[in-house]
Amino acid sequence: MPAFTPKEPWKTNPGLAALHVIVWYLVIVVAYFAMALALPDARAEDCQDTFCSSPRTDVLWFGFIYGVPALLVALLISLVILGVLSSRRPQRRAAAVGLIAATPAFVLLAVAACVAGGTR
């Protein structure tokens, strides 16, 4: 495929760029847990339902049910972006390629922050 052949001598290390992507994803996961732990853990006092949960529990369950599959899809998209960027522009540094490839995870964290902000 001529679109994926390097145009210049190879300078981007794809393995190091993938390591940058994984580190950025770990930073995103830690930020989500830090955001969830900042929410109150007390249940509403006027709750008459059988199952009442705290805002922290709601955000953690939301992250588990919707966030994990979305993060896996974003990781696949990031790996495709990583492959395209490191083959089309091989002169870029691995850190820059990893940061650009991790952009879908940043978008997911922004959406999660908006959802968590709406539960307060």
C-alpha atoms as a PDB file:
ATOM      1  CA  MET A   1       0.000   0.000   0.000  1.00  0.00           C
ATOM      2  CA  PRO A   2       1.762   3.148  -1.126  1.00  0.00           C
ATOM      3  CA  ALA A   3      -0.114   5.361   1.374  1.00  0.00           C
ATOM      4  CA  PHE A   4       1.603   3.674   4.309  1.00  0.00           C
ATOM      5  CA  THR A   5       5.166   3.544   3.053  1.00  0.00           C
ATOM      6  CA  PRO A   6       7.515   6.040   4.691  1.00  0.00           C
ATOM      7  CA  LYS A   7       8.393   9.011   2.526  1.00  0.00           C
ATOM      8  CA  GLU A   8      11.643   9.798   4.359  1.00  0.00           C
ATOM      9  CA  PRO A   9      14.067   7.880   6.536  1.00  0.00           C
ATOM     10  CA  TRP A  10      12.304   6.348   9.543  1.00  0.00           C
ATOM     11  CA  LYS A  11      12.755   8.377  12.743  1.00  0.00           C
ATOM     12  CA  THR A  12       9.584   7.617  14.704  1.00  0.00           C
ATOM     13  CA  ASN A  13       9.881   4.571  16.924  1.00  0.00           C
ATOM     14  CA  PRO A  14       6.386   3.000  16.783  1.00  0.00           C
ATOM     15  CA  GLY A  15       7.001   0.952  19.937  1.00  0.00           C
ATOM     16  CA  LEU A  16       7.968   4.039  21.927  1.00  0.00           C
ATOM     17  CA  ALA A  17       4.996   5.935  20.505  1.00  0.00           C
ATOM     18  CA  ALA A  18       2.684   3.074  21.556  1.00  0.00           C
ATOM     19  CA  LEU A  19       4.197   3.240  25.045  1.00  0.00           C
ATOM     20  CA  HIS A  20       3.342   6.950  25.140  1.00  0.00           C
ATOM     21  CA  VAL A  21      -0.251   6.147  24.144  1.00  0.00           C
ATOM     22  CA  ILE A  22      -0.566   3.557  26.917  1.00  0.00           C
ATOM     23  CA  VAL A  23       0.862   5.975  29.491  1.00  0.00           C
ATOM     24  CA  TRP A  24      -1.634   8.638  28.402  1.00  0.00           C
ATOM     25  CA  TYR A  25      -4.461   6.111  28.761  1.00  0.00           C
ATOM     26  CA  LEU A  26      -3.274   5.284  32.274  1.00  0.00           C
ATOM     27  CA  VAL A  27      -3.253   9.005  33.089  1.00  0.00           C
ATOM     28  CA  ILE A  28      -6.849   9.234  31.805  1.00  0.00           C
ATOM     29  CA  VAL A  29      -7.959   6.294  33.994  1.00  0.00           C
ATOM     30  CA  VAL A  30      -6.265   7.776  37.081  1.00  0.00           C
ATOM     31  CA  ALA A  31      -7.871  11.168  36.371  1.00  0.00           C
ATOM     32  CA  TYR A  32     -11.302   9.534  36.094  1.00  0.00           C
ATOM     33  CA  PHE A  33     -10.874   7.749  39.426  1.00  0.00           C
ATOM     34  CA  ALA A  34      -9.617  10.952  41.047  1.00  0.00           C
ATOM     35  CA  MET A  35     -12.665  12.770  39.702  1.00  0.00           C
ATOM     36  CA  ALA A  36     -14.945  10.010  41.008  1.00  0.00           C
ATOM     37  CA  LEU A  37     -13.319  10.004  44.440  1.00  0.00           C
ATOM     38  CA  ALA A  38     -13.850  13.763  44.689  1.00  0.00           C
ATOM     39  CA  LEU A  39     -17.622  13.228  44.601  1.00  0.00           C
ATOM     40  CA  PRO A  40     -19.529  12.744  47.863  1.00  0.00           C
ATOM     41  CA  ASP A  41     -20.127   9.193  49.031  1.00  0.00           C
ATOM     42  CA  ALA A  42     -23.249   9.958  51.100  1.00  0.00           C
ATOM     43  CA  ARG A  43     -26.627   8.733  49.898  1.00  0.00           C
ATOM     44  CA  ALA A  44     -29.577  11.077  49.699  1.00  0.00           C
ATOM     45  CA  GLU A  45     -31.421  11.221  53.032  1.00  0.00           C
ATOM     46  CA  ASP A  46     -34.882  11.409  51.476  1.00  0.00           C
ATOM     47  CA  CYS A  47     -34.393   8.323  49.305  1.00  0.00           C
ATOM     48  CA  GLN A  48     -37.343   5.941  49.634  1.00  0.00           C
ATOM     49  CA  ASP A  49     -36.231   3.455  46.981  1.00  0.00           C
ATOM     50  CA  THR A  50     -34.883   0.022  47.751  1.00  0.00           C
ATOM     51  CA  PHE A  51     -31.622   0.781  45.994  1.00  0.00           C
ATOM     52  CA  CYS A  52     -30.170   4.232  46.576  1.00  0.00           C
ATOM     53  CA  SER A  53     -26.617   5.028  45.695  1.00  0.00           C
ATOM     54  CA  SER A  54     -24.253   7.923  46.167  1.00  0.00           C
ATOM     55  CA  PRO A  55     -23.032  10.164  43.343  1.00  0.00           C
ATOM     56  CA  ARG A  56     -19.590   8.530  43.616  1.00  0.00           C
ATOM     57  CA  THR A  57     -21.069   5.070  43.158  1.00  0.00           C
ATOM     58  CA  ASP A  58     -23.142   6.257  40.209  1.00  0.00           C
ATOM     59  CA  VAL A  59     -20.083   7.691  38.445  1.00  0.00           C
ATOM     60  CA  LEU A  60     -18.023   4.559  39.125  1.00  0.00           C
ATOM     61  CA  TRP A  61     -20.780   2.295  37.770  1.00  0.00           C
ATOM     62  CA  PHE A  62     -21.170   4.571  34.741  1.00  0.00           C
ATOM     63  CA  GLY A  63     -17.439   4.273  34.111  1.00  0.00           C
ATOM     64  CA  PHE A  64     -17.537   0.517  34.455  1.00  0.00           C
ATOM     65  CA  ILE A  65     -20.586  -0.069  32.259  1.00  0.00           C
ATOM     66  CA  TYR A  66     -20.031   2.544  29.555  1.00  0.00           C
ATOM     67  CA  GLY A  67     -16.488   3.784  30.058  1.00  0.00           C
ATOM     68  CA  VAL A  68     -14.566   0.533  29.748  1.00  0.00           C
ATOM     69  CA  PRO A  69     -16.033  -0.430  26.339  1.00  0.00           C
ATOM     70  CA  ALA A  70     -15.704   3.155  25.118  1.00  0.00           C
ATOM     71  CA  LEU A  71     -12.088   3.247  26.291  1.00  0.00           C
ATOM     72  CA  LEU A  72     -11.322   0.010  24.450  1.00  0.00           C
ATOM     73  CA  VAL A  73     -12.838   1.389  21.233  1.00  0.00           C
ATOM     74  CA  ALA A  74     -10.878   4.618  21.725  1.00  0.00           C
ATOM     75  CA  LEU A  75      -7.708   2.550  22.204  1.00  0.00           C
ATOM     76  CA  LEU A  76      -8.308   0.776  18.907  1.00  0.00           C
ATOM     77  CA  ILE A  77      -8.858   4.137  17.206  1.00  0.00           C
ATOM     78  CA  SER A  78      -5.682   5.441  18.839  1.00  0.00           C
ATOM     79  CA  LEU A  79      -3.681   2.492  17.547  1.00  0.00           C
ATOM     80  CA  VAL A  80      -4.948   3.144  14.020  1.00  0.00           C
ATOM     81  CA  ILE A  81      -4.033   6.821  14.359  1.00  0.00           C
ATOM     82  CA  LEU A  82      -0.640   5.785  15.705  1.00  0.00           C
ATOM     83  CA  GLY A  83       0.003   3.543  12.720  1.00  0.00           C
ATOM     84  CA  VAL A  84      -1.073   6.156  10.210  1.00  0.00           C
ATOM     85  CA  LEU A  85       0.906   8.985  11.827  1.00  0.00           C
ATOM     86  CA  SER A  86       4.091   6.998  12.258  1.00  0.00           C
ATOM     87  CA  SER A  87       4.011   5.752   8.667  1.00  0.00           C
ATOM     88  CA  ARG A  88       2.827   8.894   6.894  1.00  0.00           C
ATOM     89  CA  ARG A  89       5.057  11.332   8.786  1.00  0.00           C
ATOM     90  CA  PRO A  90       7.987   9.224   9.994  1.00  0.00           C
ATOM     91  CA  GLN A  91      10.080  12.232  10.976  1.00  0.00           C
ATOM     92  CA  ARG A  92       7.877  13.120  13.994  1.00  0.00           C
ATOM     93  CA  ARG A  93       9.018  12.372  17.521  1.00  0.00           C
ATOM     94  CA  ALA A  94       7.444   9.382  19.262  1.00  0.00           C
ATOM     95  CA  ALA A  95       6.138  11.540  22.132  1.00  0.00           C
ATOM     96  CA  ALA A  96       4.263  13.825  19.740  1.00  0.00           C
ATOM     97  CA  VAL A  97       2.800  10.892  17.816  1.00  0.00           C
ATOM     98  CA  GLY A  98       1.714   9.232  21.082  1.00  0.00           C
ATOM     99  CA  LEU A  99       0.082  12.429  22.330  1.00  0.00           C
ATOM    100  CA  ILE A 100      -1.824  12.974  19.094  1.00  0.00           C
ATOM    101  CA  ALA A 101      -2.892   9.328  18.978  1.00  0.00           C
ATOM    102  CA  ALA A 102      -4.253   9.535  22.545  1.00  0.00           C
ATOM    103  CA  THR A 103      -6.690  12.321  21.599  1.00  0.00           C
ATOM    104  CA  PRO A 104      -9.778  10.026  21.595  1.00  0.00           C
ATOM    105  CA  ALA A 105      -9.121   9.219  25.255  1.00  0.00           C
ATOM    106  CA  PHE A 106      -8.980  12.920  26.128  1.00  0.00           C
ATOM    107  CA  VAL A 107     -12.346  13.393  24.436  1.00  0.00           C
ATOM    108  CA  LEU A 108     -13.784  10.519  26.500  1.00  0.00           C
ATOM    109  CA  LEU A 109     -12.441  12.065  29.714  1.00  0.00           C
ATOM    110  CA  ALA A 110     -14.050  15.397  28.827  1.00  0.00           C
ATOM    111  CA  VAL A 111     -17.393  13.678  28.225  1.00  0.00           C
ATOM    112  CA  ALA A 112     -17.058  11.776  31.512  1.00  0.00           C
ATOM    113  CA  ALA A 113     -16.277  15.022  33.355  1.00  0.00           C
ATOM    114  CA  CYS A 114     -19.419  16.600  31.908  1.00  0.00           C
ATOM    115  CA  VAL A 115     -21.516  13.600  32.965  1.00  0.00           C
ATOM    116  CA  ALA A 116     -19.982  13.552  36.437  1.00  0.00           C
ATOM    117  CA  GLY A 117     -20.512  17.293  36.763  1.00  0.00           C
ATOM    118  CA  GLY A 118     -24.154  16.801  35.939  1.00  0.00           C
ATOM    119  CA  THR A 119     -24.662  14.308  38.797  1.00  0.00           C
ATOM    120  CA  ARG A 120     -23.809  16.798  41.532  1.00  0.00           C
END
